[in-house]
Structure formats: structure tokens, C-alpha cells
PDB file of N, CA and C in Angstrom:
ATOM      1  N   UNK A   1      14.175   4.184  60.696  1.00  0.00           N
ATOM      2  CA  UNK A   1      13.454   4.783  59.658  1.00  0.00           C
ATOM      3  C   UNK A   1      12.230   4.159  59.769  1.00  0.00           C
ATOM      4  N   UNK A   2      11.057   5.050  60.154  1.00  0.00           N
ATOM      5  CA  UNK A   2       9.541   5.289  60.279  1.00  0.00           C
ATOM      6  C   UNK A   2       9.112   5.792  59.227  1.00  0.00           C
ATOM      7  N   UNK A   3       7.862   5.090  59.018  1.00  0.00           N
ATOM      8  CA  UNK A   3       6.602   4.230  58.750  1.00  0.00           C
ATOM      9  C   UNK A   3       6.912   5.789  56.988  1.00  0.00           C
ATOM     10  N   UNK A   4       6.937   6.647  57.541  1.00  0.00           N
ATOM     11  CA  UNK A   4       5.840   8.158  56.646  1.00  0.00           C
ATOM     12  C   UNK A   4       7.843   7.961  55.661  1.00  0.00           C
ATOM     13  N   UNK A   5       8.823   7.420  56.296  1.00  0.00           N
ATOM     14  CA  UNK A   5       9.831   7.794  54.858  1.00  0.00           C
ATOM     15  C   UNK A   5       9.862   6.340  54.202  1.00  0.00           C
ATOM     16  N   UNK A   6       8.854   4.884  54.868  1.00  0.00           N
ATOM     17  CA  UNK A   6       9.376   4.230  53.459  1.00  0.00           C
ATOM     18  C   UNK A   6       8.412   4.079  53.119  1.00  0.00           C
ATOM     19  N   UNK A   7       6.656   4.656  53.318  1.00  0.00           N
ATOM     20  CA  UNK A   7       5.315   4.911  52.307  1.00  0.00           C
ATOM     21  C   UNK A   7       6.199   5.798  50.801  1.00  0.00           C
ATOM     22  N   UNK A   8       6.416   6.860  51.754  1.00  0.00           N
ATOM     23  CA  UNK A   8       7.083   7.532  50.313  1.00  0.00           C
ATOM     24  C   UNK A   8       8.740   6.914  49.396  1.00  0.00           C
ATOM     25  N   UNK A   9       9.096   5.731  50.393  1.00  0.00           N
ATOM     26  CA  UNK A   9      10.204   5.164  49.587  1.00  0.00           C
ATOM     27  C   UNK A   9       9.606   4.431  48.438  1.00  0.00           C
ATOM     28  N   UNK A  10       8.852   3.582  49.171  1.00  0.00           N
ATOM     29  CA  UNK A  10       7.852   2.741  48.073  1.00  0.00           C
ATOM     30  C   UNK A  10       7.110   3.410  47.123  1.00  0.00           C
ATOM     31  N   UNK A  11       6.823   5.038  47.206  1.00  0.00           N
ATOM     32  CA  UNK A  11       5.632   5.233  45.934  1.00  0.00           C
ATOM     33  C   UNK A  11       6.223   6.128  45.353  1.00  0.00           C
ATOM     34  N   UNK A  12       8.215   6.764  45.513  1.00  0.00           N
ATOM     35  CA  UNK A  12       8.593   6.733  44.967  1.00  0.00           C
ATOM     36  C   UNK A  12       9.346   5.663  44.018  1.00  0.00           C
ATOM     37  N   UNK A  13       9.736   4.762  44.397  1.00  0.00           N
ATOM     38  CA  UNK A  13      10.520   3.497  43.784  1.00  0.00           C
ATOM     39  C   UNK A  13       9.744   3.326  42.424  1.00  0.00           C
ATOM     40  N   UNK A  14       7.662   3.694  42.621  1.00  0.00           N
ATOM     41  CA  UNK A  14       6.511   2.955  42.018  1.00  0.00           C
ATOM     42  C   UNK A  14       6.077   4.011  41.139  1.00  0.00           C
ATOM     43  N   UNK A  15       6.520   5.418  40.920  1.00  0.00           N
ATOM     44  CA  UNK A  15       6.738   6.301  40.545  1.00  0.00           C
ATOM     45  C   UNK A  15       8.145   5.948  38.973  1.00  0.00           C
ATOM     46  N   UNK A  16       8.742   5.499  39.856  1.00  0.00           N
ATOM     47  CA  UNK A  16      10.510   5.769  38.851  1.00  0.00           C
ATOM     48  C   UNK A  16       9.523   4.569  38.254  1.00  0.00           C
ATOM     49  N   UNK A  17       9.393   3.391  38.597  1.00  0.00           N
ATOM     50  CA  UNK A  17       8.941   2.633  37.565  1.00  0.00           C
ATOM     51  C   UNK A  17       7.865   2.626  36.965  1.00  0.00           C
ATOM     52  N   UNK A  18       7.494   2.908  37.493  1.00  0.00           N
ATOM     53  CA  UNK A  18       5.838   3.554  35.921  1.00  0.00           C
ATOM     54  C   UNK A  18       6.753   4.308  35.431  1.00  0.00           C
ATOM     55  N   UNK A  19       7.802   5.167  35.740  1.00  0.00           N
ATOM     56  CA  UNK A  19       7.932   5.781  34.179  1.00  0.00           C
ATOM     57  C   UNK A  19       9.069   5.478  33.520  1.00  0.00           C
ATOM     58  N   UNK A  20       9.802   4.542  34.060  1.00  0.00           N
ATOM     59  CA  UNK A  20      10.267   3.641  32.798  1.00  0.00           C
ATOM     60  C   UNK A  20       9.397   2.586  31.810  1.00  0.00           C
ATOM     61  N   UNK A  21       8.467   2.075  32.854  1.00  0.00           N
ATOM     62  CA  UNK A  21       7.386   2.074  32.040  1.00  0.00           C
ATOM     63  C   UNK A  21       6.417   2.228  30.515  1.00  0.00           C
ATOM     64  N   UNK A  22       6.503   3.615  31.381  1.00  0.00           N
ATOM     65  CA  UNK A  22       5.827   3.833  30.232  1.00  0.00           C
ATOM     66  C   UNK A  22       6.966   5.107  29.132  1.00  0.00           C
ATOM     67  N   UNK A  23       8.197   5.330  29.144  1.00  0.00           N
ATOM     68  CA  UNK A  23       9.390   5.739  28.707  1.00  0.00           C
ATOM     69  C   UNK A  23       9.145   4.831  27.263  1.00  0.00           C
ATOM     70  N   UNK A  24       9.446   3.116  27.861  1.00  0.00           N
ATOM     71  CA  UNK A  24       9.101   1.830  27.508  1.00  0.00           C
ATOM     72  C   UNK A  24       8.045   1.419  26.459  1.00  0.00           C
ATOM     73  N   UNK A  25       6.649   2.085  26.705  1.00  0.00           N
ATOM     74  CA  UNK A  25       5.930   1.407  26.059  1.00  0.00           C
ATOM     75  C   UNK A  25       6.263   3.314  24.742  1.00  0.00           C
ATOM     76  N   UNK A  26       6.006   4.417  25.253  1.00  0.00           N
ATOM     77  CA  UNK A  26       6.264   5.249  24.141  1.00  0.00           C
ATOM     78  C   UNK A  26       7.637   5.254  23.162  1.00  0.00           C
ATOM     79  N   UNK A  27       8.773   3.859  23.076  1.00  0.00           N
ATOM     80  CA  UNK A  27       9.502   3.529  22.365  1.00  0.00           C
ATOM     81  C   UNK A  27       8.801   2.339  21.376  1.00  0.00           C
ATOM     82  N   UNK A  28       8.321   1.885  22.247  1.00  0.00           N
ATOM     83  CA  UNK A  28       7.835   0.677  21.176  1.00  0.00           C
ATOM     84  C   UNK A  28       6.899   1.617  20.193  1.00  0.00           C
ATOM     85  N   UNK A  29       6.069   2.810  20.274  1.00  0.00           N
ATOM     86  CA  UNK A  29       4.923   3.139  19.842  1.00  0.00           C
ATOM     87  C   UNK A  29       5.590   3.939  18.711  1.00  0.00           C
ATOM     88  N   UNK A  30       6.805   4.987  18.725  1.00  0.00           N
ATOM     89  CA  UNK A  30       8.081   5.363  18.195  1.00  0.00           C
ATOM     90  C   UNK A  30       8.115   4.440  17.405  1.00  0.00           C
ATOM     91  N   UNK A  31       8.623   3.211  17.611  1.00  0.00           N
ATOM     92  CA  UNK A  31       9.360   2.567  17.278  1.00  0.00           C
ATOM     93  C   UNK A  31       7.893   1.786  15.409  1.00  0.00           C
ATOM     94  N   UNK A  32       6.935   1.227  16.292  1.00  0.00           N
ATOM     95  CA  UNK A  32       6.031   0.991  14.927  1.00  0.00           C
ATOM     96  C   UNK A  32       5.252   1.740  14.650  1.00  0.00           C
ATOM     97  N   UNK A  33       5.228   3.288  14.915  1.00  0.00           N
ATOM     98  CA  UNK A  33       4.902   4.264  14.073  1.00  0.00           C
ATOM     99  C   UNK A  33       6.086   4.247  12.458  1.00  0.00           C
ATOM    100  N   UNK A  34       6.950   4.450  13.608  1.00  0.00           N
ATOM    101  CA  UNK A  34       7.844   4.008  12.464  1.00  0.00           C
ATOM    102  C   UNK A  34       8.309   3.788  11.847  1.00  0.00           C
ATOM    103  N   UNK A  35       7.458   2.803  11.341  1.00  0.00           N
ATOM    104  CA  UNK A  35       7.425   1.120  11.321  1.00  0.00           C
ATOM    105  C   UNK A  35       6.576   0.858   9.738  1.00  0.00           C
ATOM    106  N   UNK A  36       5.725   1.719  10.497  1.00  0.00           N
ATOM    107  CA  UNK A  36       4.137   2.298   9.555  1.00  0.00           C
ATOM    108  C   UNK A  36       4.500   2.665   8.650  1.00  0.00           C
ATOM    109  N   UNK A  37       4.882   3.664   8.639  1.00  0.00           N
ATOM    110  CA  UNK A  37       6.027   5.732   7.754  1.00  0.00           C
ATOM    111  C   UNK A  37       6.293   4.382   6.689  1.00  0.00           C
ATOM    112  N   UNK A  38       7.187   3.928   6.740  1.00  0.00           N
ATOM    113  CA  UNK A  38       7.828   2.823   5.671  1.00  0.00           C
ATOM    114  C   UNK A  38       6.946   2.023   4.661  1.00  0.00           C
ATOM    115  N   UNK A  39       6.269   1.557   5.374  1.00  0.00           N
ATOM    116  CA  UNK A  39       5.659   0.823   4.866  1.00  0.00           C
ATOM    117  C   UNK A  39       4.898   1.877   4.217  1.00  0.00           C
ATOM    118  N   UNK A  40       3.877   2.399   4.774  1.00  0.00           N
ATOM    119  CA  UNK A  40       3.125   3.753   3.900  1.00  0.00           C
ATOM    120  C   UNK A  40       4.166   3.920   2.478  1.00  0.00           C
ATOM    121  N   UNK A  41       4.835   4.361   2.761  1.00  0.00           N
ATOM    122  CA  UNK A  41       5.925   4.956   1.950  1.00  0.00           C
ATOM    123  C   UNK A  41       6.024   4.020   0.807  1.00  0.00           C
ATOM    124  N   UNK A  42       6.668   2.607   1.589  1.00  0.00           N
ATOM    125  CA  UNK A  42       6.410   1.185  -0.191  1.00  0.00           C
ATOM    126  C   UNK A  42       5.124   1.448  -0.928  1.00  0.00           C
ATOM    127  N   UNK A  43       4.543   1.401  -0.707  1.00  0.00           N
ATOM    128  CA  UNK A  43       3.180   1.204  -1.025  1.00  0.00           C
ATOM    129  C   UNK A  43       2.631   1.976  -1.947  1.00  0.00           C
ATOM    130  N   UNK A  44       3.100   3.446  -1.358  1.00  0.00           N
ATOM    131  CA  UNK A  44       2.783   4.761  -2.095  1.00  0.00           C
ATOM    132  C   UNK A  44       3.582   4.333  -3.128  1.00  0.00           C
ATOM    133  N   UNK A  45       4.571   3.841  -3.000  1.00  0.00           N
ATOM    134  CA  UNK A  45       6.070   3.603  -4.672  1.00  0.00           C
ATOM    135  C   UNK A  45       5.227   2.691  -4.953  1.00  0.00           C
ATOM    136  N   UNK A  46       3.975   1.261  -4.570  1.00  0.00           N
ATOM    137  CA  UNK A  46       3.745   0.342  -5.831  1.00  0.00           C
ATOM    138  C   UNK A  46       2.542   0.757  -6.243  1.00  0.00           C
ATOM    139  N   UNK A  47       2.366   2.548  -5.384  1.00  0.00           N
ATOM    140  CA  UNK A  47       0.614   2.020  -5.965  1.00  0.00           C
ATOM    141  C   UNK A  47       1.396   3.103  -7.598  1.00  0.00           C
ATOM    142  N   UNK A  48       1.982   3.989  -6.911  1.00  0.00           N
ATOM    143  CA  UNK A  48       2.071   5.273  -8.640  1.00  0.00           C
ATOM    144  C   UNK A  48       3.295   4.428  -9.985  1.00  0.00           C
ATOM    145  N   UNK A  49       3.597   3.338  -8.646  1.00  0.00           N
ATOM    146  CA  UNK A  49       4.157   2.105 -10.354  1.00  0.00           C
ATOM    147  C   UNK A  49       3.242   1.519 -11.760  1.00  0.00           C
ATOM    148  N   UNK A  50       2.722   1.298 -10.201  1.00  0.00           N
ATOM    149  CA  UNK A  50       1.485  -0.068 -10.918  1.00  0.00           C
ATOM    150  C   UNK A  50      -0.129   1.551 -11.591  1.00  0.00           C
ATOM    151  N   UNK A  51      -0.428   2.274 -10.884  1.00  0.00           N
ATOM    152  CA  UNK A  51      -0.378   3.767 -11.390  1.00  0.00           C
ATOM    153  C   UNK A  51       0.046   3.965 -13.670  1.00  0.00           C
ATOM    154  N   UNK A  52       1.343   4.488 -13.009  1.00  0.00           N
ATOM    155  CA  UNK A  52       1.489   4.217 -14.459  1.00  0.00           C
ATOM    156  C   UNK A  52       2.216   3.161 -15.668  1.00  0.00           C
ATOM    157  N   UNK A  53       2.146   1.585 -14.817  1.00  0.00           N
ATOM    158  CA  UNK A  53       2.039   0.677 -15.906  1.00  0.00           C
ATOM    159  C   UNK A  53       0.754   0.298 -16.680  1.00  0.00           C
ATOM    160  N   UNK A  54      -0.298   0.808 -15.602  1.00  0.00           N
ATOM    161  CA  UNK A  54      -2.232   0.313 -15.744  1.00  0.00           C
ATOM    162  C   UNK A  54      -1.506   1.477 -17.052  1.00  0.00           C
ATOM    163  N   UNK A  55      -1.696   3.151 -17.518  1.00  0.00           N
ATOM    164  CA  UNK A  55      -1.362   3.891 -17.863  1.00  0.00           C
ATOM    165  C   UNK A  55      -0.747   4.079 -19.556  1.00  0.00           C
ATOM    166  N   UNK A  56       0.411   3.093 -19.396  1.00  0.00           N
ATOM    167  CA  UNK A  56       1.021   2.633 -20.649  1.00  0.00           C
ATOM    168  C   UNK A  56      -0.458   1.641 -20.855  1.00  0.00           C
ATOM    169  N   UNK A  57       0.212   0.259 -20.023  1.00  0.00           N
ATOM    170  CA  UNK A  57      -1.180  -0.506 -21.081  1.00  0.00           C
ATOM    171  C   UNK A  57      -1.942  -0.314 -21.503  1.00  0.00           C
ATOM    172  N   UNK A  58      -2.676   0.925 -21.276  1.00  0.00           N
ATOM    173  CA  UNK A  58      -3.619   1.047 -21.786  1.00  0.00           C
ATOM    174  C   UNK A  58      -3.954   2.873 -23.255  1.00  0.00           C
ATOM    175  N   UNK A  59      -2.392   2.782 -22.838  1.00  0.00           N
ATOM    176  CA  UNK A  59      -2.240   3.114 -24.508  1.00  0.00           C
ATOM    177  C   UNK A  59      -3.298   3.162 -25.483  1.00  0.00           C
ATOM    178  N   UNK A  60      -3.729   3.468 -26.844  1.00  0.00           N
ATOM    179  CA  UNK A  60      -4.227   2.778 -27.836  1.00  0.00           C
ATOM    180  C   UNK A  60      -3.103   1.882 -29.007  1.00  0.00           C
ATOM    181  N   UNK A  61      -2.190   2.430 -28.667  1.00  0.00           N
ATOM    182  CA  UNK A  61      -1.152   2.198 -29.558  1.00  0.00           C
ATOM    183  C   UNK A  61      -0.488   1.057 -28.874  1.00  0.00           C
ATOM    184  N   UNK A  62      -0.399   1.087 -28.412  1.00  0.00           N
ATOM    185  CA  UNK A  62       0.062  -0.058 -26.986  1.00  0.00           C
ATOM    186  C   UNK A  62      -1.308  -1.353 -27.500  1.00  0.00           C
ATOM    187  N   UNK A  63      -2.856  -1.146 -27.277  1.00  0.00           N
ATOM    188  CA  UNK A  63      -3.694  -2.386 -27.270  1.00  0.00           C
ATOM    189  C   UNK A  63      -3.359  -2.888 -28.806  1.00  0.00           C
ATOM    190  N   UNK A  64      -2.954  -2.210 -29.755  1.00  0.00           N
ATOM    191  CA  UNK A  64      -3.168  -1.982 -31.688  1.00  0.00           C
ATOM    192  C   UNK A  64      -2.688  -3.360 -31.596  1.00  0.00           C
ATOM    193  N   UNK A  65      -0.380  -2.775 -30.996  1.00  0.00           N
ATOM    194  CA  UNK A  65       0.583  -3.509 -31.221  1.00  0.00           C
ATOM    195  C   UNK A  65      -0.229  -4.958 -30.655  1.00  0.00           C
ATOM    196  N   UNK A  66      -0.843  -4.390 -29.420  1.00  0.00           N
ATOM    197  CA  UNK A  66      -0.875  -6.443 -28.937  1.00  0.00           C
ATOM    198  C   UNK A  66      -2.480  -7.339 -30.118  1.00  0.00           C
ATOM    199  N   UNK A  67      -2.837  -5.715 -30.500  1.00  0.00           N
ATOM    200  CA  UNK A  67      -3.958  -6.974 -31.310  1.00  0.00           C
ATOM    201  C   UNK A  67      -2.873  -7.789 -32.257  1.00  0.00           C
ATOM    202  N   UNK A  68      -2.154  -6.807 -32.964  1.00  0.00           N
ATOM    203  CA  UNK A  68      -2.099  -7.204 -34.424  1.00  0.00           C
ATOM    204  C   UNK A  68      -0.259  -8.583 -34.503  1.00  0.00           C
ATOM    205  N   UNK A  69       0.646  -7.689 -33.400  1.00  0.00           N
ATOM    206  CA  UNK A  69       1.178  -8.993 -33.035  1.00  0.00           C
ATOM    207  C   UNK A  69       0.994  -9.845 -31.956  1.00  0.00           C
ATOM    208  N   UNK A  70       0.077 -10.183 -31.343  1.00  0.00           N
ATOM    209  CA  UNK A  70       0.106 -11.721 -30.391  1.00  0.00           C
ATOM    210  C   UNK A  70      -1.037 -11.665 -30.771  1.00  0.00           C
ATOM    211  N   UNK A  71      -2.174 -11.523 -31.190  1.00  0.00           N
ATOM    212  CA  UNK A  71      -3.349 -12.343 -31.393  1.00  0.00           C
ATOM    213  C   UNK A  71      -3.429 -12.362 -33.048  1.00  0.00           C
ATOM    214  N   UNK A  72      -2.632 -11.880 -33.852  1.00  0.00           N
ATOM    215  CA  UNK A  72      -2.650 -11.427 -35.367  1.00  0.00           C
ATOM    216  C   UNK A  72      -3.908 -11.664 -36.177  1.00  0.00           C
ATOM    217  N   UNK A  73      -4.711  -9.970 -35.898  1.00  0.00           N
ATOM    218  CA  UNK A  73      -5.531  -8.999 -35.102  1.00  0.00           C
ATOM    219  C   UNK A  73      -4.993  -8.598 -36.693  1.00  0.00           C
ATOM    220  N   UNK A  74      -6.642  -8.331 -37.943  1.00  0.00           N
ATOM    221  CA  UNK A  74      -6.156  -7.478 -39.152  1.00  0.00           C
ATOM    222  C   UNK A  74      -7.114  -5.919 -38.889  1.00  0.00           C
ATOM    223  N   UNK A  75      -7.190  -4.875 -40.071  1.00  0.00           N
ATOM    224  CA  UNK A  75      -8.097  -4.076 -39.379  1.00  0.00           C
ATOM    225  C   UNK A  75      -9.715  -4.725 -39.962  1.00  0.00           C
ATOM    226  N   UNK A  76     -10.146  -4.236 -39.998  1.00  0.00           N
ATOM    227  CA  UNK A  76     -11.788  -4.755 -40.879  1.00  0.00           C
ATOM    228  C   UNK A  76     -11.708  -3.463 -42.599  1.00  0.00           C
ATOM    229  N   UNK A  77     -11.523  -3.910 -43.516  1.00  0.00           N
ATOM    230  CA  UNK A  77     -11.441  -3.512 -44.806  1.00  0.00           C
ATOM    231  C   UNK A  77     -13.562  -4.555 -44.913  1.00  0.00           C
ATOM    232  N   UNK A  78     -13.870  -3.234 -46.295  1.00  0.00           N
ATOM    233  CA  UNK A  78     -15.404  -3.596 -46.434  1.00  0.00           C
ATOM    234  C   UNK A  78     -15.222  -5.456 -47.391  1.00  0.00           C
ATOM    235  N   UNK A  79     -14.306  -5.264 -48.443  1.00  0.00           N
ATOM    236  CA  UNK A  79     -14.186  -7.213 -48.427  1.00  0.00           C
ATOM    237  C   UNK A  79     -14.931  -8.253 -47.927  1.00  0.00           C
ATOM    238  N   UNK A  80     -13.832  -8.025 -46.538  1.00  0.00           N
ATOM    239  CA  UNK A  80     -14.070  -8.756 -45.071  1.00  0.00           C
ATOM    240  C   UNK A  80     -14.721  -9.316 -45.055  1.00  0.00           C
ATOM    241  N   UNK A  81     -15.954  -7.772 -44.685  1.00  0.00           N
ATOM    242  CA  UNK A  81     -17.781  -7.724 -44.121  1.00  0.00           C
ATOM    243  C   UNK A  81     -17.688  -9.056 -44.879  1.00  0.00           C
ATOM    244  N   UNK A  82     -18.960  -9.321 -43.526  1.00  0.00           N
ATOM    245  CA  UNK A  82     -20.522 -10.053 -43.611  1.00  0.00           C
ATOM    246  C   UNK A  82     -21.442  -9.359 -43.403  1.00  0.00           C
ATOM    247  N   UNK A  83     -22.229  -9.317 -44.001  1.00  0.00           N
ATOM    248  CA  UNK A  83     -23.574  -9.047 -44.405  1.00  0.00           C
ATOM    249  C   UNK A  83     -24.054  -9.910 -43.688  1.00  0.00           C
ATOM    250  N   UNK A  84     -25.767 -10.200 -42.261  1.00  0.00           N
ATOM    251  CA  UNK A  84     -25.818 -11.523 -42.172  1.00  0.00           C
ATOM    252  C   UNK A  84     -27.615 -10.897 -42.814  1.00  0.00           C
ATOM    253  N   UNK A  85     -28.865 -11.417 -43.951  1.00  0.00           N
ATOM    254  CA  UNK A  85     -29.423 -11.133 -43.694  1.00  0.00           C
ATOM    255  C   UNK A  85     -30.504 -11.688 -42.605  1.00  0.00           C
ATOM    256  N   UNK A  86     -31.538 -11.644 -41.341  1.00  0.00           N
ATOM    257  CA  UNK A  86     -32.685 -11.882 -41.077  1.00  0.00           C
ATOM    258  C   UNK A  86     -33.203 -12.657 -41.866  1.00  0.00           C
ATOM    259  N   UNK A  87     -34.332 -13.610 -41.815  1.00  0.00           N
ATOM    260  CA  UNK A  87     -34.946 -13.912 -42.600  1.00  0.00           C
ATOM    261  C   UNK A  87     -35.830 -14.501 -41.622  1.00  0.00           C
ATOM    262  N   UNK A  88     -37.727 -14.752 -42.502  1.00  0.00           N
ATOM    263  CA  UNK A  88     -38.472 -14.958 -41.093  1.00  0.00           C
ATOM    264  C   UNK A  88     -39.099 -15.664 -41.818  1.00  0.00           C
TER     265      UNK A  88
END
């Protein structure tokens, strides 16, 4: 074998190895992208669930029920109102 044939063989081997390396990198990036998209979908579902819970918890009926039942609050009546006068 002459020198040109060995050089071309070496270049062919280098090109083949670089192709394999590039394909491996592409596969790793694709897997990483897929995992990131799955995580994005999960986070989006969590966000929608939290928005739904926030809407339910902020409804006035829910607030009124919590105030009455858990905090034992009752509505204001004129008989229970205490007026304070400022003394100078």
C-alpha cells in the first residue's frame, strides 16, 4: 500500500468515527429534549391544577363558609356595632 492509500484510509476512519460521534450526540440531545418536553407537560398540568384550586378557594361562598365554620365569625348587626367617640 502506498502512502496516499493509507492517508485516505485514515481520513475515512476519522470521518466514520466523527459520524458515529455526531449521531450519538444527536441521540442524547433528542432524549434530553423529550425529557424536557415531558417535564414541561407535567409542569403545565400542575399549573392548571393550581389555577383551578385558586379559583375555587377564592370564591366568596367558600370564604364565607370558612369564616363561619372554622373561624366562628358571624355577620355584623347594628346591635353588635360599637361606635367610639374621639375625645379631645
